[in-house]
Amino acid sequence: MNSPAARGGRNIVEYIGIAADEPKRFGQISDRKRAPLVEFGIEEGLCGLYCKYNGILAPSYGATASCRDGCWMCHNQGVNQLRLLRRDYPDLWALLMKWDADSPVNFHPDGHTVHDFDRRFQMEDEHLLSPDDKVFRWSMLEEDELNYRLF
């Protein structure tokens, strides 16, 4: 799979949501990874209010089921958070799927798309995979597709 920077020969700048009051995370900032909140001196609390006001704060923000707070469309969410988004907020999941289809870059830097995650979760729904498995290999999706075509 191609990395985002390699797709179409584009030079891509990644904007990351590190706030001005998170200095321990500043080490992630580089020429290719920019943090506009740091650049403009915006702290996490103000950013959260802005996101809430504009309707982009994760609906699970602050919920006990949530393992990560932040924007619901963020590619840094873990698998469990994406699973919850798909299960509990199907309208947001459908929008994320549309954006994924329209995007010139993959959702995850490792090359996986929202559609890949959707297929994984669908296989879990069909009890072909267990969400509790400690090891998941993306090749499992390819193997399932191959088995499906053979029958």
N, C-alpha and C. Protein backbone atom coordinates (compact mmCIF):
# COMPACT_ATOMS: atom_id res chain seq x y z
N MET A 1 0.83 -1.18 0.00
CA MET A 1 0.00 0.00 0.00
C MET A 1 0.87 1.24 0.00
N ASN A 2 0.41 2.24 -0.66
CA ASN A 2 1.17 3.48 -0.75
C ASN A 2 0.96 4.33 0.48
N SER A 3 2.01 5.00 0.91
CA SER A 3 1.85 5.97 1.99
C SER A 3 1.20 7.21 1.42
N PRO A 4 0.51 8.02 2.26
CA PRO A 4 -0.16 9.21 1.74
C PRO A 4 0.77 10.13 0.96
N ALA A 5 2.00 10.28 1.41
CA ALA A 5 2.93 11.18 0.73
C ALA A 5 3.30 10.66 -0.65
N ALA A 6 3.19 9.35 -0.84
CA ALA A 6 3.59 8.76 -2.12
C ALA A 6 2.45 8.72 -3.13
N ARG A 7 1.22 8.85 -2.69
CA ARG A 7 0.09 8.76 -3.61
C ARG A 7 0.11 9.90 -4.61
N GLY A 8 0.21 9.59 -5.86
CA GLY A 8 0.18 10.60 -6.90
C GLY A 8 1.35 11.55 -6.87
N GLY A 9 2.43 11.22 -6.16
CA GLY A 9 3.60 12.07 -6.10
C GLY A 9 3.36 13.39 -5.38
N ARG A 10 2.34 13.47 -4.60
CA ARG A 10 2.01 14.73 -3.91
C ARG A 10 2.86 14.89 -2.65
N ASN A 11 3.17 16.13 -2.36
CA ASN A 11 3.79 16.46 -1.07
C ASN A 11 2.66 16.79 -0.12
N ILE A 12 2.48 15.98 0.88
CA ILE A 12 1.36 16.14 1.79
C ILE A 12 1.85 16.64 3.14
N VAL A 13 1.11 17.61 3.69
CA VAL A 13 1.37 18.09 5.03
C VAL A 13 0.23 17.57 5.89
N GLU A 14 0.57 16.95 7.00
CA GLU A 14 -0.43 16.41 7.92
C GLU A 14 -0.61 17.42 9.05
N TYR A 15 -1.86 17.79 9.29
CA TYR A 15 -2.18 18.71 10.38
C TYR A 15 -2.68 17.88 11.55
N ILE A 16 -2.05 18.04 12.70
CA ILE A 16 -2.39 17.24 13.86
C ILE A 16 -2.95 18.12 14.98
N GLY A 17 -3.83 17.53 15.77
CA GLY A 17 -4.55 18.27 16.80
C GLY A 17 -3.84 18.31 18.14
N ILE A 18 -2.64 18.80 18.15
CA ILE A 18 -1.93 19.02 19.41
C ILE A 18 -2.20 20.46 19.83
N ALA A 19 -2.67 20.62 21.08
CA ALA A 19 -3.00 21.95 21.58
C ALA A 19 -1.78 22.63 22.17
N ALA A 20 -1.90 23.94 22.33
CA ALA A 20 -0.78 24.74 22.83
C ALA A 20 -0.39 24.38 24.26
N ASP A 21 -1.31 23.78 25.02
CA ASP A 21 -1.00 23.41 26.40
C ASP A 21 -0.65 21.92 26.54
N GLU A 22 -0.14 21.31 25.45
CA GLU A 22 0.30 19.92 25.48
C GLU A 22 1.77 19.81 25.06
N PRO A 23 2.69 20.47 25.77
CA PRO A 23 4.08 20.51 25.34
C PRO A 23 4.75 19.14 25.26
N LYS A 24 4.26 18.16 25.99
CA LYS A 24 4.87 16.83 25.92
C LYS A 24 4.67 16.18 24.56
N ARG A 25 3.69 16.67 23.79
CA ARG A 25 3.39 16.11 22.47
C ARG A 25 4.07 16.89 21.33
N PHE A 26 4.76 17.98 21.64
CA PHE A 26 5.36 18.83 20.61
C PHE A 26 6.40 18.10 19.77
N GLY A 27 6.96 17.01 20.28
CA GLY A 27 7.97 16.26 19.54
C GLY A 27 7.45 15.68 18.25
N GLN A 28 6.13 15.59 18.09
CA GLN A 28 5.53 15.06 16.87
C GLN A 28 5.51 16.10 15.74
N ILE A 29 5.74 17.36 16.08
CA ILE A 29 5.65 18.43 15.10
C ILE A 29 6.91 18.49 14.24
N SER A 30 6.72 18.65 12.93
CA SER A 30 7.83 18.75 11.98
C SER A 30 7.36 19.55 10.78
N ASP A 31 8.20 19.64 9.74
CA ASP A 31 7.79 20.34 8.52
C ASP A 31 6.61 19.64 7.85
N ARG A 32 6.56 18.31 7.98
CA ARG A 32 5.49 17.54 7.37
C ARG A 32 4.29 17.36 8.29
N LYS A 33 4.51 17.52 9.59
CA LYS A 33 3.43 17.43 10.58
C LYS A 33 3.33 18.77 11.30
N ARG A 34 2.25 19.47 11.02
CA ARG A 34 2.05 20.79 11.60
C ARG A 34 0.94 20.73 12.63
N ALA A 35 1.01 21.62 13.61
CA ALA A 35 0.01 21.71 14.67
C ALA A 35 -0.53 23.13 14.73
N PRO A 36 -1.59 23.41 13.96
CA PRO A 36 -2.12 24.78 13.93
C PRO A 36 -2.55 25.31 15.29
N LEU A 37 -3.02 24.43 16.17
CA LEU A 37 -3.42 24.90 17.50
C LEU A 37 -2.23 25.44 18.27
N VAL A 38 -1.10 24.80 18.12
CA VAL A 38 0.13 25.29 18.76
C VAL A 38 0.56 26.60 18.11
N GLU A 39 0.53 26.61 16.77
CA GLU A 39 0.96 27.81 16.04
C GLU A 39 0.14 29.04 16.41
N PHE A 40 -1.16 28.84 16.71
CA PHE A 40 -2.03 29.97 17.04
C PHE A 40 -2.26 30.13 18.54
N GLY A 41 -1.58 29.30 19.36
CA GLY A 41 -1.68 29.42 20.80
C GLY A 41 -3.03 29.00 21.38
N ILE A 42 -3.73 28.07 20.73
CA ILE A 42 -5.05 27.64 21.19
C ILE A 42 -4.89 26.43 22.12
N GLU A 43 -5.45 26.56 23.32
CA GLU A 43 -5.36 25.49 24.31
C GLU A 43 -6.51 24.50 24.14
N GLU A 44 -6.33 23.32 24.74
CA GLU A 44 -7.26 22.20 24.56
C GLU A 44 -8.70 22.56 24.95
N GLY A 45 -8.90 23.24 26.05
CA GLY A 45 -10.25 23.59 26.50
C GLY A 45 -10.99 24.44 25.48
N LEU A 46 -10.33 25.44 24.94
CA LEU A 46 -10.95 26.30 23.93
C LEU A 46 -11.26 25.51 22.66
N CYS A 47 -10.34 24.65 22.29
CA CYS A 47 -10.56 23.82 21.10
C CYS A 47 -11.78 22.92 21.29
N GLY A 48 -11.92 22.33 22.47
CA GLY A 48 -13.08 21.49 22.76
C GLY A 48 -14.39 22.26 22.66
N LEU A 49 -14.40 23.48 23.18
CA LEU A 49 -15.60 24.32 23.08
C LEU A 49 -15.93 24.64 21.62
N TYR A 50 -14.89 24.95 20.86
CA TYR A 50 -15.09 25.26 19.43
C TYR A 50 -15.67 24.04 18.70
N CYS A 51 -15.09 22.86 18.96
CA CYS A 51 -15.58 21.64 18.30
C CYS A 51 -17.01 21.34 18.70
N LYS A 52 -17.33 21.51 19.98
CA LYS A 52 -18.70 21.27 20.44
C LYS A 52 -19.66 22.24 19.77
N TYR A 53 -19.31 23.51 19.73
CA TYR A 53 -20.15 24.54 19.13
C TYR A 53 -20.41 24.27 17.65
N ASN A 54 -19.40 23.74 16.96
CA ASN A 54 -19.52 23.49 15.52
C ASN A 54 -19.97 22.07 15.17
N GLY A 55 -20.30 21.27 16.18
CA GLY A 55 -20.86 19.95 15.94
C GLY A 55 -19.88 18.91 15.44
N ILE A 56 -18.59 19.09 15.71
CA ILE A 56 -17.61 18.09 15.25
C ILE A 56 -16.98 17.31 16.39
N LEU A 57 -17.36 17.62 17.61
CA LEU A 57 -16.84 16.88 18.75
C LEU A 57 -17.48 15.49 18.75
N ALA A 58 -16.68 14.48 19.04
CA ALA A 58 -17.20 13.12 19.05
C ALA A 58 -18.40 13.04 19.98
N PRO A 59 -19.49 12.42 19.53
CA PRO A 59 -20.67 12.33 20.38
C PRO A 59 -20.40 11.53 21.65
N SER A 60 -19.37 10.70 21.62
CA SER A 60 -19.03 9.88 22.78
C SER A 60 -18.08 10.60 23.74
N TYR A 61 -17.75 11.84 23.46
CA TYR A 61 -16.82 12.60 24.29
C TYR A 61 -17.30 12.59 25.74
N GLY A 62 -16.44 12.10 26.61
CA GLY A 62 -16.78 12.06 28.02
C GLY A 62 -17.59 10.84 28.43
N ALA A 63 -18.03 10.04 27.47
CA ALA A 63 -18.82 8.84 27.80
C ALA A 63 -17.89 7.76 28.36
N THR A 64 -18.42 6.94 29.20
CA THR A 64 -17.60 5.89 29.80
C THR A 64 -17.16 4.86 28.76
N ALA A 65 -17.93 4.68 27.69
CA ALA A 65 -17.57 3.69 26.67
C ALA A 65 -16.43 4.19 25.78
N SER A 66 -16.19 5.48 25.81
CA SER A 66 -15.19 6.06 24.92
C SER A 66 -13.79 5.86 25.46
N CYS A 67 -12.91 5.37 24.60
CA CYS A 67 -11.53 5.21 25.01
C CYS A 67 -10.67 6.36 24.52
N ARG A 68 -11.25 7.25 23.72
CA ARG A 68 -10.50 8.39 23.20
C ARG A 68 -11.48 9.52 22.95
N ASP A 69 -11.09 10.70 23.33
CA ASP A 69 -11.93 11.86 23.07
C ASP A 69 -11.40 12.57 21.85
N GLY A 70 -12.19 13.46 21.31
CA GLY A 70 -11.74 14.25 20.19
C GLY A 70 -12.78 14.29 19.09
N CYS A 71 -12.33 14.55 17.89
CA CYS A 71 -13.22 14.65 16.74
C CYS A 71 -13.58 13.26 16.23
N TRP A 72 -14.84 13.07 15.89
CA TRP A 72 -15.33 11.75 15.49
C TRP A 72 -14.72 11.28 14.17
N MET A 73 -14.22 12.21 13.36
CA MET A 73 -13.69 11.81 12.05
C MET A 73 -12.17 11.64 12.05
N CYS A 74 -11.56 11.70 13.22
CA CYS A 74 -10.10 11.66 13.32
C CYS A 74 -9.54 10.28 12.95
N HIS A 75 -8.50 10.29 12.14
CA HIS A 75 -7.87 9.02 11.72
C HIS A 75 -7.01 8.41 12.82
N ASN A 76 -6.80 9.13 13.91
CA ASN A 76 -6.00 8.60 15.03
C ASN A 76 -6.82 7.78 16.01
N GLN A 77 -8.10 7.64 15.76
CA GLN A 77 -8.93 6.83 16.65
C GLN A 77 -8.46 5.37 16.61
N GLY A 78 -8.61 4.71 17.72
CA GLY A 78 -8.31 3.30 17.78
C GLY A 78 -9.45 2.48 17.18
N VAL A 79 -9.20 1.22 16.98
CA VAL A 79 -10.19 0.32 16.40
C VAL A 79 -11.46 0.28 17.24
N ASN A 80 -11.32 0.25 18.56
CA ASN A 80 -12.51 0.19 19.42
C ASN A 80 -13.37 1.44 19.27
N GLN A 81 -12.74 2.59 19.15
CA GLN A 81 -13.49 3.83 18.99
C GLN A 81 -14.20 3.86 17.64
N LEU A 82 -13.53 3.39 16.60
CA LEU A 82 -14.17 3.31 15.28
C LEU A 82 -15.34 2.33 15.30
N ARG A 83 -15.17 1.22 16.00
CA ARG A 83 -16.24 0.22 16.13
C ARG A 83 -17.46 0.85 16.82
N LEU A 84 -17.22 1.62 17.90
CA LEU A 84 -18.31 2.29 18.60
C LEU A 84 -18.99 3.32 17.71
N LEU A 85 -18.21 4.07 16.95
CA LEU A 85 -18.77 5.06 16.05
C LEU A 85 -19.70 4.39 15.04
N ARG A 86 -19.24 3.29 14.46
CA ARG A 86 -20.05 2.56 13.47
C ARG A 86 -21.33 2.02 14.10
N ARG A 87 -21.20 1.46 15.29
CA ARG A 87 -22.36 0.85 15.95
C ARG A 87 -23.36 1.87 16.48
N ASP A 88 -22.86 2.90 17.15
CA ASP A 88 -23.73 3.82 17.87
C ASP A 88 -24.14 5.06 17.09
N TYR A 89 -23.38 5.40 16.05
CA TYR A 89 -23.65 6.62 15.28
C TYR A 89 -23.58 6.31 13.78
N PRO A 90 -24.53 5.51 13.28
CA PRO A 90 -24.46 5.09 11.88
C PRO A 90 -24.51 6.25 10.88
N ASP A 91 -25.16 7.34 11.24
CA ASP A 91 -25.19 8.49 10.33
C ASP A 91 -23.80 9.10 10.17
N LEU A 92 -23.05 9.20 11.28
CA LEU A 92 -21.68 9.72 11.19
C LEU A 92 -20.78 8.72 10.47
N TRP A 93 -20.99 7.43 10.71
CA TRP A 93 -20.21 6.40 10.02
C TRP A 93 -20.45 6.48 8.52
N ALA A 94 -21.70 6.66 8.11
CA ALA A 94 -22.02 6.77 6.67
C ALA A 94 -21.33 7.98 6.06
N LEU A 95 -21.29 9.09 6.78
CA LEU A 95 -20.60 10.28 6.28
C LEU A 95 -19.10 10.03 6.18
N LEU A 96 -18.53 9.35 7.18
CA LEU A 96 -17.11 9.03 7.14
C LEU A 96 -16.81 8.10 5.96
N MET A 97 -17.70 7.16 5.67
CA MET A 97 -17.53 6.27 4.52
C MET A 97 -17.55 7.08 3.22
N LYS A 98 -18.45 8.06 3.13
CA LYS A 98 -18.51 8.89 1.92
C LYS A 98 -17.23 9.69 1.75
N TRP A 99 -16.78 10.31 2.85
CA TRP A 99 -15.54 11.08 2.78
C TRP A 99 -14.37 10.18 2.39
N ASP A 100 -14.37 8.97 2.91
CA ASP A 100 -13.31 8.02 2.58
C ASP A 100 -13.31 7.72 1.08
N ALA A 101 -14.48 7.54 0.51
CA ALA A 101 -14.57 7.26 -0.93
C ALA A 101 -14.13 8.46 -1.76
N ASP A 102 -14.39 9.66 -1.26
CA ASP A 102 -14.05 10.88 -2.00
C ASP A 102 -12.61 11.32 -1.82
N SER A 103 -11.93 10.81 -0.80
CA SER A 103 -10.60 11.29 -0.44
C SER A 103 -9.51 10.75 -1.37
N PRO A 104 -8.55 11.60 -1.73
CA PRO A 104 -7.42 11.12 -2.54
C PRO A 104 -6.37 10.37 -1.71
N VAL A 105 -6.51 10.37 -0.38
CA VAL A 105 -5.56 9.67 0.48
C VAL A 105 -6.33 8.68 1.36
N ASN A 106 -5.61 7.70 1.86
CA ASN A 106 -6.22 6.70 2.73
C ASN A 106 -6.45 7.27 4.12
N PHE A 107 -7.42 6.71 4.81
CA PHE A 107 -7.80 7.15 6.14
C PHE A 107 -6.66 7.00 7.14
N HIS A 108 -5.99 5.86 7.11
CA HIS A 108 -4.87 5.60 8.02
C HIS A 108 -3.55 5.71 7.27
N PRO A 109 -2.53 6.21 7.92
CA PRO A 109 -1.21 6.30 7.27
C PRO A 109 -0.69 4.94 6.80
N ASP A 110 -1.17 3.85 7.42
CA ASP A 110 -0.71 2.53 7.00
C ASP A 110 -1.39 2.06 5.72
N GLY A 111 -2.26 2.88 5.15
CA GLY A 111 -2.89 2.56 3.88
C GLY A 111 -4.29 2.01 3.97
N HIS A 112 -4.80 1.78 5.17
CA HIS A 112 -6.15 1.23 5.32
C HIS A 112 -7.19 2.33 5.26
N THR A 113 -8.34 1.95 4.72
CA THR A 113 -9.42 2.89 4.50
C THR A 113 -10.54 2.65 5.52
N VAL A 114 -11.47 3.57 5.57
CA VAL A 114 -12.65 3.38 6.41
C VAL A 114 -13.42 2.16 5.90
N HIS A 115 -13.41 1.97 4.59
CA HIS A 115 -14.09 0.80 4.01
C HIS A 115 -13.44 -0.50 4.47
N ASP A 116 -12.12 -0.51 4.66
CA ASP A 116 -11.44 -1.69 5.21
C ASP A 116 -11.96 -1.97 6.63
N PHE A 117 -12.04 -0.92 7.43
CA PHE A 117 -12.55 -1.10 8.79
C PHE A 117 -14.01 -1.56 8.76
N ASP A 118 -14.79 -1.01 7.84
CA ASP A 118 -16.19 -1.40 7.74
C ASP A 118 -16.31 -2.89 7.41
N ARG A 119 -15.49 -3.37 6.50
CA ARG A 119 -15.51 -4.79 6.14
C ARG A 119 -15.10 -5.64 7.35
N ARG A 120 -14.09 -5.20 8.08
CA ARG A 120 -13.67 -5.92 9.28
C ARG A 120 -14.83 -6.01 10.28
N PHE A 121 -15.50 -4.87 10.52
CA PHE A 121 -16.59 -4.86 11.49
C PHE A 121 -17.78 -5.68 10.99
N GLN A 122 -18.00 -5.68 9.68
CA GLN A 122 -19.07 -6.50 9.11
C GLN A 122 -18.78 -7.98 9.35
N MET A 123 -17.53 -8.39 9.18
CA MET A 123 -17.15 -9.77 9.45
C MET A 123 -17.34 -10.11 10.93
N GLU A 124 -17.09 -9.15 11.80
CA GLU A 124 -17.34 -9.37 13.23
C GLU A 124 -18.84 -9.53 13.47
N ASP A 125 -19.65 -8.68 12.81
CA ASP A 125 -21.11 -8.77 12.96
C ASP A 125 -21.62 -10.13 12.50
N GLU A 126 -20.98 -10.69 11.48
CA GLU A 126 -21.38 -12.00 10.94
C GLU A 126 -20.72 -13.15 11.69
N HIS A 127 -19.99 -12.83 12.77
CA HIS A 127 -19.29 -13.81 13.60
C HIS A 127 -18.23 -14.61 12.82
N LEU A 128 -17.68 -13.99 11.78
CA LEU A 128 -16.58 -14.59 11.04
C LEU A 128 -15.24 -14.21 11.67
N LEU A 129 -15.26 -13.11 12.41
CA LEU A 129 -14.11 -12.66 13.20
C LEU A 129 -14.63 -12.28 14.57
N SER A 130 -13.78 -12.38 15.55
CA SER A 130 -14.15 -11.96 16.89
C SER A 130 -13.48 -10.63 17.21
N PRO A 131 -14.25 -9.65 17.71
CA PRO A 131 -13.63 -8.38 18.11
C PRO A 131 -12.70 -8.55 19.30
N ASP A 132 -12.80 -9.69 19.98
CA ASP A 132 -11.97 -9.94 21.15
C ASP A 132 -10.62 -10.57 20.81
N ASP A 133 -10.44 -10.96 19.53
CA ASP A 133 -9.16 -11.55 19.14
C ASP A 133 -8.04 -10.56 19.41
N LYS A 134 -7.00 -11.04 20.02
CA LYS A 134 -5.86 -10.17 20.36
C LYS A 134 -5.04 -9.82 19.13
N VAL A 135 -5.07 -10.71 18.13
CA VAL A 135 -4.28 -10.47 16.92
C VAL A 135 -5.22 -10.40 15.72
N PHE A 136 -5.16 -9.29 15.02
CA PHE A 136 -5.92 -9.16 13.78
C PHE A 136 -4.94 -8.89 12.66
N ARG A 137 -5.06 -9.62 11.59
CA ARG A 137 -4.23 -9.42 10.40
C ARG A 137 -5.13 -8.98 9.26
N TRP A 138 -4.78 -7.88 8.62
CA TRP A 138 -5.60 -7.38 7.52
C TRP A 138 -5.72 -8.41 6.41
N SER A 139 -4.75 -9.31 6.31
CA SER A 139 -4.83 -10.35 5.28
C SER A 139 -6.04 -11.26 5.50
N MET A 140 -6.58 -11.27 6.72
CA MET A 140 -7.78 -12.06 7.01
C MET A 140 -8.94 -11.59 6.14
N LEU A 141 -9.02 -10.29 5.87
CA LEU A 141 -10.07 -9.77 5.00
C LEU A 141 -9.89 -10.26 3.58
N GLU A 142 -8.64 -10.25 3.11
CA GLU A 142 -8.35 -10.72 1.76
C GLU A 142 -8.65 -12.20 1.63
N GLU A 143 -8.31 -12.99 2.65
CA GLU A 143 -8.59 -14.42 2.64
C GLU A 143 -10.09 -14.67 2.59
N ASP A 144 -10.86 -13.88 3.35
CA ASP A 144 -12.31 -14.05 3.35
C ASP A 144 -12.88 -13.72 1.97
N GLU A 145 -12.38 -12.64 1.35
CA GLU A 145 -12.85 -12.27 0.02
C GLU A 145 -12.56 -13.38 -0.98
N LEU A 146 -11.38 -13.96 -0.89
CA LEU A 146 -11.01 -15.05 -1.79
C LEU A 146 -11.92 -16.25 -1.57
N ASN A 147 -12.16 -16.62 -0.32
CA ASN A 147 -13.06 -17.74 -0.03
C ASN A 147 -14.46 -17.48 -0.53
N TYR A 148 -14.91 -16.24 -0.41
CA TYR A 148 -16.26 -15.86 -0.86
C TYR A 148 -16.38 -16.05 -2.37
N ARG A 149 -15.32 -15.64 -3.12
CA ARG A 149 -15.36 -15.75 -4.58
C ARG A 149 -15.27 -17.19 -5.04
N LEU A 150 -14.66 -18.06 -4.24
CA LEU A 150 -14.51 -19.45 -4.63
C LEU A 150 -15.82 -20.22 -4.52
N PHE A 151 -16.74 -19.75 -3.71
CA PHE A 151 -17.99 -20.50 -3.48
C PHE A 151 -19.17 -19.87 -4.11
